[in-house]
Amino acid sequence: MTRDILDEFAADQRRKPAYPDVVVEIGMVVEDRASHYCGDIVRWNVEAVTLRERGGHLRHFGWKPGGFLIDGVPVTLVRPATSATATQRVTASGSVAGDGRARVAQGGRIWVEGIHDAELIEHVWGDDLRELGLVVEPLHGADDLAAAVAEFAPTRDRRVGVLLDHLVPGSKETRIAQTVRDPNVLITGHPFVDVWAGIRPKVLGLTEWPDIPRTDRDGRDVSWKEGMCAALGVPFEGFWPRLRNQVNTFADLRPELVGAVEQLIDFVGE
């Protein structure tokens, strides 16, 4: 008997369980079946739905059949049937843009370690920042963070959010973060040595970024950025703008970076 692959595929599809469709709503509490991450829906777009857990951490999950649980029951989350109006658009961060008019800058600030961090945040979250009236400023190094916070004198109406690179146990950045004790300051970060690595390597057709040693054979410090360009065989000069411009949405960034930035925006813009 001759096999019919199409018939077998159709039969397999019929055997798959059917899950009820549930239209997404802001505030709806769901659980991702694969990771068991549970939270309320804070935004969605054509690529993903964003959940926020109790601690305020955000994660993005793609639309998938039966991919979520509501009260323990597997469901398929679907977008509303009505499309966005002509005046609505989805920003690169995945949120629905407002009327496009920037607000007067608030007193609070988001501080990042360098100009590339600031440029990347503006590239992805710029619309959101302008709508909320938030300003991102580079620290050009976090060694004097405690002094900078003391000089700024944050208050409840003038909060400070800080994004640090390489915020992992035992790192210099973690020790710096521990020197700041202020309820009006939130410090978040990502585990990457540099914000460049917070971009998914797939934007350049790679599966992983090259592994760059901290020192060379003579024990001298190696610039991670220059080392990466050398490993890729590309000139360092002009590489960053080309890499940044390959980022189109938050989906092109690692979730650790996305979650850290969005926590800061929520905290400072509250």
C-alpha atoms as a PDB file:
ATOM      1  CA  MET A   1       0.000   0.000   0.000  1.00  0.00           C
ATOM      2  CA  THR A   2       1.405   3.407  -0.988  1.00  0.00           C
ATOM      3  CA  ARG A   3       1.937   5.938   1.794  1.00  0.00           C
ATOM      4  CA  ASP A   4       0.226   9.278   1.397  1.00  0.00           C
ATOM      5  CA  ILE A   5       2.171  11.803   3.480  1.00  0.00           C
ATOM      6  CA  LEU A   6      -0.539  14.442   3.130  1.00  0.00           C
ATOM      7  CA  ASP A   7      -3.204  12.051   4.417  1.00  0.00           C
ATOM      8  CA  GLU A   8      -0.982  11.110   7.359  1.00  0.00           C
ATOM      9  CA  PHE A   9      -0.395  14.788   8.158  1.00  0.00           C
ATOM     10  CA  ALA A  10      -4.138  15.501   8.056  1.00  0.00           C
ATOM     11  CA  ALA A  11      -4.853  12.540  10.313  1.00  0.00           C
ATOM     12  CA  ASP A  12      -2.189  13.676  12.756  1.00  0.00           C
ATOM     13  CA  GLN A  13      -3.738  17.154  12.875  1.00  0.00           C
ATOM     14  CA  ARG A  14      -7.147  15.621  13.635  1.00  0.00           C
ATOM     15  CA  ARG A  15      -5.625  13.657  16.537  1.00  0.00           C
ATOM     16  CA  LYS A  16      -4.159  16.774  18.163  1.00  0.00           C
ATOM     17  CA  PRO A  17      -6.146  18.057  21.140  1.00  0.00           C
ATOM     18  CA  ALA A  18      -8.382  21.046  20.546  1.00  0.00           C
ATOM     19  CA  TYR A  19      -8.024  23.945  22.978  1.00  0.00           C
ATOM     20  CA  PRO A  20     -10.611  26.653  23.579  1.00  0.00           C
ATOM     21  CA  ASP A  21      -9.750  30.102  22.219  1.00  0.00           C
ATOM     22  CA  VAL A  22      -9.658  32.914  24.771  1.00  0.00           C
ATOM     23  CA  VAL A  23      -9.373  36.538  23.666  1.00  0.00           C
ATOM     24  CA  VAL A  24      -6.584  38.374  25.496  1.00  0.00           C
ATOM     25  CA  GLU A  25      -7.482  41.147  27.902  1.00  0.00           C
ATOM     26  CA  ILE A  26      -5.255  43.475  29.879  1.00  0.00           C
ATOM     27  CA  GLY A  27      -5.119  42.273  33.489  1.00  0.00           C
ATOM     28  CA  MET A  28      -6.035  38.668  32.678  1.00  0.00           C
ATOM     29  CA  VAL A  29      -3.957  36.232  34.785  1.00  0.00           C
ATOM     30  CA  VAL A  30      -2.520  33.303  32.836  1.00  0.00           C
ATOM     31  CA  GLU A  31       0.299  30.770  33.137  1.00  0.00           C
ATOM     32  CA  ASP A  32       2.708  29.759  30.384  1.00  0.00           C
ATOM     33  CA  ARG A  33       2.471  25.958  30.172  1.00  0.00           C
ATOM     34  CA  ALA A  34       6.089  25.383  29.161  1.00  0.00           C
ATOM     35  CA  SER A  35       7.843  27.500  31.806  1.00  0.00           C
ATOM     36  CA  HIS A  36       5.057  27.719  34.448  1.00  0.00           C
ATOM     37  CA  TYR A  37       5.630  31.486  34.522  1.00  0.00           C
ATOM     38  CA  CYS A  38       2.435  33.062  35.851  1.00  0.00           C
ATOM     39  CA  GLY A  39       1.369  36.689  35.673  1.00  0.00           C
ATOM     40  CA  ASP A  40      -1.144  39.217  34.483  1.00  0.00           C
ATOM     41  CA  ILE A  41      -1.224  40.375  30.860  1.00  0.00           C
ATOM     42  CA  VAL A  42       0.158  43.900  30.578  1.00  0.00           C
ATOM     43  CA  ARG A  43       0.488  44.204  26.789  1.00  0.00           C
ATOM     44  CA  TRP A  44       0.453  42.227  23.571  1.00  0.00           C
ATOM     45  CA  ASN A  45       1.242  42.630  19.880  1.00  0.00           C
ATOM     46  CA  VAL A  46       1.369  40.486  16.756  1.00  0.00           C
ATOM     47  CA  GLU A  47       4.487  38.696  17.988  1.00  0.00           C
ATOM     48  CA  ALA A  48       3.936  38.017  21.666  1.00  0.00           C
ATOM     49  CA  VAL A  49       1.954  38.515  24.824  1.00  0.00           C
ATOM     50  CA  THR A  50       3.679  40.099  27.848  1.00  0.00           C
ATOM     51  CA  LEU A  51       3.103  38.753  31.361  1.00  0.00           C
ATOM     52  CA  ARG A  52       4.042  40.454  34.626  1.00  0.00           C
ATOM     53  CA  GLU A  53       4.635  38.389  37.746  1.00  0.00           C
ATOM     54  CA  ARG A  54       3.998  39.605  41.298  1.00  0.00           C
ATOM     55  CA  GLY A  55       7.522  40.987  41.638  1.00  0.00           C
ATOM     56  CA  GLY A  56       7.007  43.175  38.563  1.00  0.00           C
ATOM     57  CA  HIS A  57       9.281  41.164  36.269  1.00  0.00           C
ATOM     58  CA  LEU A  58       8.101  40.998  32.655  1.00  0.00           C
ATOM     59  CA  ARG A  59       8.421  38.166  30.141  1.00  0.00           C
ATOM     60  CA  HIS A  60       7.199  37.791  26.577  1.00  0.00           C
ATOM     61  CA  PHE A  61       5.607  34.628  25.171  1.00  0.00           C
ATOM     62  CA  GLY A  62       4.679  33.802  21.611  1.00  0.00           C
ATOM     63  CA  TRP A  63       1.170  32.857  20.516  1.00  0.00           C
ATOM     64  CA  LYS A  64       0.875  29.066  20.477  1.00  0.00           C
ATOM     65  CA  PRO A  65      -2.037  26.589  20.491  1.00  0.00           C
ATOM     66  CA  GLY A  66      -2.811  25.486  24.030  1.00  0.00           C
ATOM     67  CA  GLY A  67       0.231  27.380  25.246  1.00  0.00           C
ATOM     68  CA  PHE A  68      -1.331  28.909  28.364  1.00  0.00           C
ATOM     69  CA  LEU A  69      -3.320  27.883  31.420  1.00  0.00           C
ATOM     70  CA  ILE A  70      -6.273  29.753  32.896  1.00  0.00           C
ATOM     71  CA  ASP A  71      -7.402  28.308  36.221  1.00  0.00           C
ATOM     72  CA  GLY A  72      -5.440  25.181  35.303  1.00  0.00           C
ATOM     73  CA  VAL A  73      -7.196  24.675  31.956  1.00  0.00           C
ATOM     74  CA  PRO A  74      -5.087  24.750  28.735  1.00  0.00           C
ATOM     75  CA  VAL A  75      -6.271  27.453  26.344  1.00  0.00           C
ATOM     76  CA  THR A  76      -5.149  29.186  23.159  1.00  0.00           C
ATOM     77  CA  LEU A  77      -4.813  32.920  23.617  1.00  0.00           C
ATOM     78  CA  VAL A  78      -5.927  34.901  20.576  1.00  0.00           C
ATOM     79  CA  ARG A  79      -5.863  38.567  19.701  1.00  0.00           C
ATOM     80  CA  PRO A  80      -9.145  40.501  19.453  1.00  0.00           C
ATOM     81  CA  ALA A  81     -10.864  40.171  16.097  1.00  0.00           C
ATOM     82  CA  THR A  82     -11.041  43.950  15.635  1.00  0.00           C
ATOM     83  CA  SER A  83      -7.911  45.430  14.133  1.00  0.00           C
ATOM     84  CA  ALA A  84      -6.151  48.548  15.384  1.00  0.00           C
ATOM     85  CA  THR A  85      -7.465  51.809  14.015  1.00  0.00           C
ATOM     86  CA  ALA A  86      -5.448  53.887  11.590  1.00  0.00           C
ATOM     87  CA  THR A  87      -4.313  56.102  14.454  1.00  0.00           C
ATOM     88  CA  GLN A  88      -2.947  53.180  16.462  1.00  0.00           C
ATOM     89  CA  ARG A  89       0.381  51.538  15.949  1.00  0.00           C
ATOM     90  CA  VAL A  90       2.577  49.100  17.800  1.00  0.00           C
ATOM     91  CA  THR A  91       5.918  50.477  18.961  1.00  0.00           C
ATOM     92  CA  ALA A  92       9.193  48.565  18.744  1.00  0.00           C
ATOM     93  CA  SER A  93       8.790  47.698  22.431  1.00  0.00           C
ATOM     94  CA  GLY A  94       5.489  45.937  21.712  1.00  0.00           C
ATOM     95  CA  SER A  95       3.116  48.470  23.252  1.00  0.00           C
ATOM     96  CA  VAL A  96       0.352  50.372  21.499  1.00  0.00           C
ATOM     97  CA  ALA A  97       1.488  53.928  20.812  1.00  0.00           C
ATOM     98  CA  GLY A  98      -0.496  56.912  22.043  1.00  0.00           C
ATOM     99  CA  ASP A  99      -1.149  60.101  20.113  1.00  0.00           C
ATOM    100  CA  GLY A 100       2.542  60.552  19.308  1.00  0.00           C
ATOM    101  CA  ARG A 101       2.919  63.754  21.322  1.00  0.00           C
ATOM    102  CA  ALA A 102       5.867  63.806  23.707  1.00  0.00           C
ATOM    103  CA  ARG A 103       5.181  64.856  27.278  1.00  0.00           C
ATOM    104  CA  VAL A 104       7.254  67.345  29.236  1.00  0.00           C
ATOM    105  CA  ALA A 105      10.158  65.450  30.801  1.00  0.00           C
ATOM    106  CA  GLN A 106       9.506  64.222  34.329  1.00  0.00           C
ATOM    107  CA  GLY A 107      11.913  64.749  37.187  1.00  0.00           C
ATOM    108  CA  GLY A 108      12.969  61.099  37.303  1.00  0.00           C
ATOM    109  CA  ARG A 109      15.775  59.598  35.275  1.00  0.00           C
ATOM    110  CA  ILE A 110      16.909  56.264  33.882  1.00  0.00           C
ATOM    111  CA  TRP A 111      20.686  55.906  34.054  1.00  0.00           C
ATOM    112  CA  VAL A 112      22.631  53.432  31.930  1.00  0.00           C
ATOM    113  CA  GLU A 113      26.346  52.665  31.835  1.00  0.00           C
ATOM    114  CA  GLY A 114      27.250  53.992  28.397  1.00  0.00           C
ATOM    115  CA  ILE A 115      26.145  55.699  25.220  1.00  0.00           C
ATOM    116  CA  HIS A 116      25.458  52.416  23.418  1.00  0.00           C
ATOM    117  CA  ASP A 117      23.057  51.333  26.183  1.00  0.00           C
ATOM    118  CA  ALA A 118      21.258  54.667  25.890  1.00  0.00           C
ATOM    119  CA  GLU A 119      21.076  54.455  22.092  1.00  0.00           C
ATOM    120  CA  LEU A 120      19.672  50.915  22.146  1.00  0.00           C
ATOM    121  CA  ILE A 121      16.988  51.815  24.689  1.00  0.00           C
ATOM    122  CA  GLU A 122      16.022  54.849  22.637  1.00  0.00           C
ATOM    123  CA  HIS A 123      15.967  52.701  19.490  1.00  0.00           C
ATOM    124  CA  VAL A 124      13.484  50.208  20.961  1.00  0.00           C
ATOM    125  CA  TRP A 125      11.629  52.121  23.685  1.00  0.00           C
ATOM    126  CA  GLY A 126      11.924  55.683  22.362  1.00  0.00           C
ATOM    127  CA  ASP A 127       8.195  56.081  21.643  1.00  0.00           C
ATOM    128  CA  ASP A 128       7.294  54.842  25.121  1.00  0.00           C
ATOM    129  CA  LEU A 129       9.869  57.101  26.774  1.00  0.00           C
ATOM    130  CA  ARG A 130       8.624  60.213  24.992  1.00  0.00           C
ATOM    131  CA  GLU A 131       5.010  59.412  25.766  1.00  0.00           C
ATOM    132  CA  LEU A 132       5.852  59.040  29.467  1.00  0.00           C
ATOM    133  CA  GLY A 133       8.228  61.998  29.513  1.00  0.00           C
ATOM    134  CA  LEU A 134      11.196  59.884  30.649  1.00  0.00           C
ATOM    135  CA  VAL A 135      14.837  60.740  29.996  1.00  0.00           C
ATOM    136  CA  VAL A 136      17.658  58.182  29.646  1.00  0.00           C
ATOM    137  CA  GLU A 137      21.152  59.366  30.531  1.00  0.00           C
ATOM    138  CA  PRO A 138      24.500  57.538  30.245  1.00  0.00           C
ATOM    139  CA  LEU A 139      26.594  57.310  33.409  1.00  0.00           C
ATOM    140  CA  HIS A 140      29.804  56.629  31.445  1.00  0.00           C
ATOM    141  CA  GLY A 141      30.731  54.124  34.119  1.00  0.00           C
ATOM    142  CA  ALA A 142      29.016  53.126  37.345  1.00  0.00           C
ATOM    143  CA  ASP A 143      31.953  53.307  39.781  1.00  0.00           C
ATOM    144  CA  ASP A 144      30.606  56.494  41.408  1.00  0.00           C
ATOM    145  CA  LEU A 145      26.953  55.445  41.368  1.00  0.00           C
ATOM    146  CA  ALA A 146      26.369  56.002  45.097  1.00  0.00           C
ATOM    147  CA  ALA A 147      27.748  59.547  44.860  1.00  0.00           C
ATOM    148  CA  ALA A 148      25.637  60.260  41.761  1.00  0.00           C
ATOM    149  CA  VAL A 149      22.495  59.080  43.557  1.00  0.00           C
ATOM    150  CA  ALA A 150      23.299  61.205  46.614  1.00  0.00           C
ATOM    151  CA  GLU A 151      23.830  64.271  44.438  1.00  0.00           C
ATOM    152  CA  PHE A 152      20.571  63.695  42.541  1.00  0.00           C
ATOM    153  CA  ALA A 153      18.670  63.263  45.846  1.00  0.00           C
ATOM    154  CA  PRO A 154      15.797  61.143  44.484  1.00  0.00           C
ATOM    155  CA  THR A 155      12.310  61.462  45.917  1.00  0.00           C
ATOM    156  CA  ARG A 156       9.050  59.670  45.284  1.00  0.00           C
ATOM    157  CA  ASP A 157       8.320  62.157  42.503  1.00  0.00           C
ATOM    158  CA  ARG A 158      11.910  62.112  41.178  1.00  0.00           C
ATOM    159  CA  ARG A 159      12.821  58.455  41.023  1.00  0.00           C
ATOM    160  CA  VAL A 160      15.974  57.004  39.535  1.00  0.00           C
ATOM    161  CA  GLY A 161      16.232  53.734  37.640  1.00  0.00           C
ATOM    162  CA  VAL A 162      19.663  52.264  36.911  1.00  0.00           C
ATOM    163  CA  LEU A 163      20.517  49.634  34.305  1.00  0.00           C
ATOM    164  CA  LEU A 164      23.827  47.841  34.910  1.00  0.00           C
ATOM    165  CA  ASP A 165      25.737  45.467  32.661  1.00  0.00           C
ATOM    166  CA  HIS A 166      26.972  42.127  34.026  1.00  0.00           C
ATOM    167  CA  LEU A 167      24.768  42.218  37.122  1.00  0.00           C
ATOM    168  CA  VAL A 168      25.569  38.716  38.360  1.00  0.00           C
ATOM    169  CA  PRO A 169      26.622  37.380  41.792  1.00  0.00           C
ATOM    170  CA  GLY A 170      30.144  38.436  42.677  1.00  0.00           C
ATOM    171  CA  SER A 171      30.594  40.949  39.864  1.00  0.00           C
ATOM    172  CA  LYS A 172      31.886  44.487  40.363  1.00  0.00           C
ATOM    173  CA  GLU A 173      28.522  45.814  39.190  1.00  0.00           C
ATOM    174  CA  THR A 174      26.690  43.794  41.839  1.00  0.00           C
ATOM    175  CA  ARG A 175      28.975  45.177  44.558  1.00  0.00           C
ATOM    176  CA  ILE A 176      28.321  48.701  43.278  1.00  0.00           C
ATOM    177  CA  ALA A 177      24.560  48.122  43.313  1.00  0.00           C
ATOM    178  CA  GLN A 178      24.748  46.996  46.942  1.00  0.00           C
ATOM    179  CA  THR A 179      26.156  50.408  47.963  1.00  0.00           C
ATOM    180  CA  VAL A 180      22.877  52.137  47.044  1.00  0.00           C
ATOM    181  CA  ARG A 181      20.064  51.912  49.589  1.00  0.00           C
ATOM    182  CA  ASP A 182      17.197  54.178  48.618  1.00  0.00           C
ATOM    183  CA  PRO A 183      13.506  53.271  48.170  1.00  0.00           C
ATOM    184  CA  ASN A 184      13.286  55.768  45.311  1.00  0.00           C
ATOM    185  CA  VAL A 185      16.061  54.044  43.338  1.00  0.00           C
ATOM    186  CA  LEU A 186      15.641  50.794  41.438  1.00  0.00           C
ATOM    187  CA  ILE A 187      18.704  49.034  40.075  1.00  0.00           C
ATOM    188  CA  THR A 188      18.215  46.294  37.521  1.00  0.00           C
ATOM    189  CA  GLY A 189      20.584  44.717  35.072  1.00  0.00           C
ATOM    190  CA  HIS A 190      21.369  41.900  32.719  1.00  0.00           C
ATOM    191  CA  PRO A 191      23.976  39.128  32.919  1.00  0.00           C
ATOM    192  CA  PHE A 192      25.860  40.126  29.760  1.00  0.00           C
ATOM    193  CA  VAL A 193      29.336  41.650  29.838  1.00  0.00           C
ATOM    194  CA  ASP A 194      28.161  44.369  27.459  1.00  0.00           C
ATOM    195  CA  VAL A 195      24.815  45.538  26.126  1.00  0.00           C
ATOM    196  CA  TRP A 196      25.896  44.394  22.641  1.00  0.00           C
ATOM    197  CA  ALA A 197      25.447  40.808  23.849  1.00  0.00           C
ATOM    198  CA  GLY A 198      21.893  41.656  24.928  1.00  0.00           C
ATOM    199  CA  ILE A 199      21.012  41.646  21.221  1.00  0.00           C
ATOM    200  CA  ARG A 200      20.092  38.243  19.867  1.00  0.00           C
ATOM    201  CA  PRO A 201      22.883  36.987  17.565  1.00  0.00           C
ATOM    202  CA  LYS A 202      20.238  35.862  15.076  1.00  0.00           C
ATOM    203  CA  VAL A 203      20.019  39.453  13.806  1.00  0.00           C
ATOM    204  CA  LEU A 204      23.382  38.760  12.129  1.00  0.00           C
ATOM    205  CA  GLY A 205      22.549  35.181  11.205  1.00  0.00           C
ATOM    206  CA  LEU A 206      24.504  33.697  14.139  1.00  0.00           C
ATOM    207  CA  THR A 207      23.396  31.152  16.723  1.00  0.00           C
ATOM    208  CA  GLU A 208      25.704  32.509  19.450  1.00  0.00           C
ATOM    209  CA  TRP A 209      28.078  35.407  19.948  1.00  0.00           C
ATOM    210  CA  PRO A 210      31.787  34.483  19.944  1.00  0.00           C
ATOM    211  CA  ASP A 211      33.317  33.580  23.312  1.00  0.00           C
ATOM    212  CA  ILE A 212      35.752  36.417  24.035  1.00  0.00           C
ATOM    213  CA  PRO A 213      38.460  35.878  26.715  1.00  0.00           C
ATOM    214  CA  ARG A 214      38.909  38.564  29.357  1.00  0.00           C
ATOM    215  CA  THR A 215      42.705  38.663  28.853  1.00  0.00           C
ATOM    216  CA  ASP A 216      45.136  37.844  26.062  1.00  0.00           C
ATOM    217  CA  ARG A 217      48.052  35.419  26.237  1.00  0.00           C
ATOM    218  CA  ASP A 218      50.182  38.044  27.959  1.00  0.00           C
ATOM    219  CA  GLY A 219      47.578  38.683  30.643  1.00  0.00           C
ATOM    220  CA  ARG A 220      46.491  42.044  29.263  1.00  0.00           C
ATOM    221  CA  ASP A 221      42.824  43.020  29.416  1.00  0.00           C
ATOM    222  CA  VAL A 222      40.891  42.450  26.193  1.00  0.00           C
ATOM    223  CA  SER A 223      38.181  44.872  25.079  1.00  0.00           C
ATOM    224  CA  TRP A 224      35.101  42.679  24.685  1.00  0.00           C
ATOM    225  CA  LYS A 225      33.706  44.789  21.863  1.00  0.00           C
ATOM    226  CA  GLU A 226      36.950  44.882  19.912  1.00  0.00           C
ATOM    227  CA  GLY A 227      37.509  41.190  20.588  1.00  0.00           C
ATOM    228  CA  MET A 228      34.083  40.341  19.221  1.00  0.00           C
ATOM    229  CA  CYS A 229      34.629  42.354  16.055  1.00  0.00           C
ATOM    230  CA  ALA A 230      37.987  40.628  15.554  1.00  0.00           C
ATOM    231  CA  ALA A 231      36.361  37.211  16.036  1.00  0.00           C
ATOM    232  CA  LEU A 232      33.668  38.100  13.488  1.00  0.00           C
ATOM    233  CA  GLY A 233      36.241  39.462  11.061  1.00  0.00           C
ATOM    234  CA  VAL A 234      34.630  42.899  10.837  1.00  0.00           C
ATOM    235  CA  PRO A 235      36.119  46.358  11.508  1.00  0.00           C
ATOM    236  CA  PHE A 236      35.322  47.795  14.924  1.00  0.00           C
ATOM    237  CA  GLU A 237      34.753  51.254  13.498  1.00  0.00           C
ATOM    238  CA  GLY A 238      31.119  51.621  12.470  1.00  0.00           C
ATOM    239  CA  PHE A 239      30.071  48.137  13.623  1.00  0.00           C
ATOM    240  CA  TRP A 240      27.807  49.299  16.458  1.00  0.00           C
ATOM    241  CA  PRO A 241      25.430  51.407  14.325  1.00  0.00           C
ATOM    242  CA  ARG A 242      25.038  48.524  11.897  1.00  0.00           C
ATOM    243  CA  LEU A 243      24.323  46.082  14.723  1.00  0.00           C
ATOM    244  CA  ARG A 244      21.884  48.452  16.447  1.00  0.00           C
ATOM    245  CA  ASN A 245      19.983  49.063  13.230  1.00  0.00           C
ATOM    246  CA  GLN A 246      19.406  45.326  12.806  1.00  0.00           C
ATOM    247  CA  VAL A 247      17.177  45.495  15.890  1.00  0.00           C
ATOM    248  CA  ASN A 248      13.591  46.068  14.816  1.00  0.00           C
ATOM    249  CA  THR A 249      11.565  45.120  17.911  1.00  0.00           C
ATOM    250  CA  PHE A 250      12.058  43.928  21.475  1.00  0.00           C
ATOM    251  CA  ALA A 251      11.929  40.382  20.059  1.00  0.00           C
ATOM    252  CA  ASP A 252      15.447  40.978  18.708  1.00  0.00           C
ATOM    253  CA  LEU A 253      16.737  41.425  22.265  1.00  0.00           C
ATOM    254  CA  ARG A 254      17.452  38.879  24.968  1.00  0.00           C
ATOM    255  CA  PRO A 255      14.557  38.619  27.451  1.00  0.00           C
ATOM    256  CA  GLU A 256      16.866  39.403  30.391  1.00  0.00           C
ATOM    257  CA  LEU A 257      17.586  42.829  28.884  1.00  0.00           C
ATOM    258  CA  VAL A 258      13.969  43.473  27.909  1.00  0.00           C
ATOM    259  CA  GLY A 259      12.667  42.645  31.376  1.00  0.00           C
ATOM    260  CA  ALA A 260      15.284  44.806  33.104  1.00  0.00           C
ATOM    261  CA  VAL A 261      14.506  47.866  30.974  1.00  0.00           C
ATOM    262  CA  GLU A 262      10.744  47.528  31.302  1.00  0.00           C
ATOM    263  CA  GLN A 263      10.986  47.247  35.079  1.00  0.00           C
ATOM    264  CA  LEU A 264      12.837  50.565  35.116  1.00  0.00           C
ATOM    265  CA  ILE A 265      10.315  52.261  32.831  1.00  0.00           C
ATOM    266  CA  ASP A 266       7.448  51.060  35.024  1.00  0.00           C
ATOM    267  CA  PHE A 267       9.223  52.167  38.223  1.00  0.00           C
ATOM    268  CA  VAL A 268      10.347  55.621  37.101  1.00  0.00           C
ATOM    269  CA  GLY A 269       7.215  56.351  35.082  1.00  0.00           C
ATOM    270  CA  GLU A 270       4.785  55.288  37.805  1.00  0.00           C
END
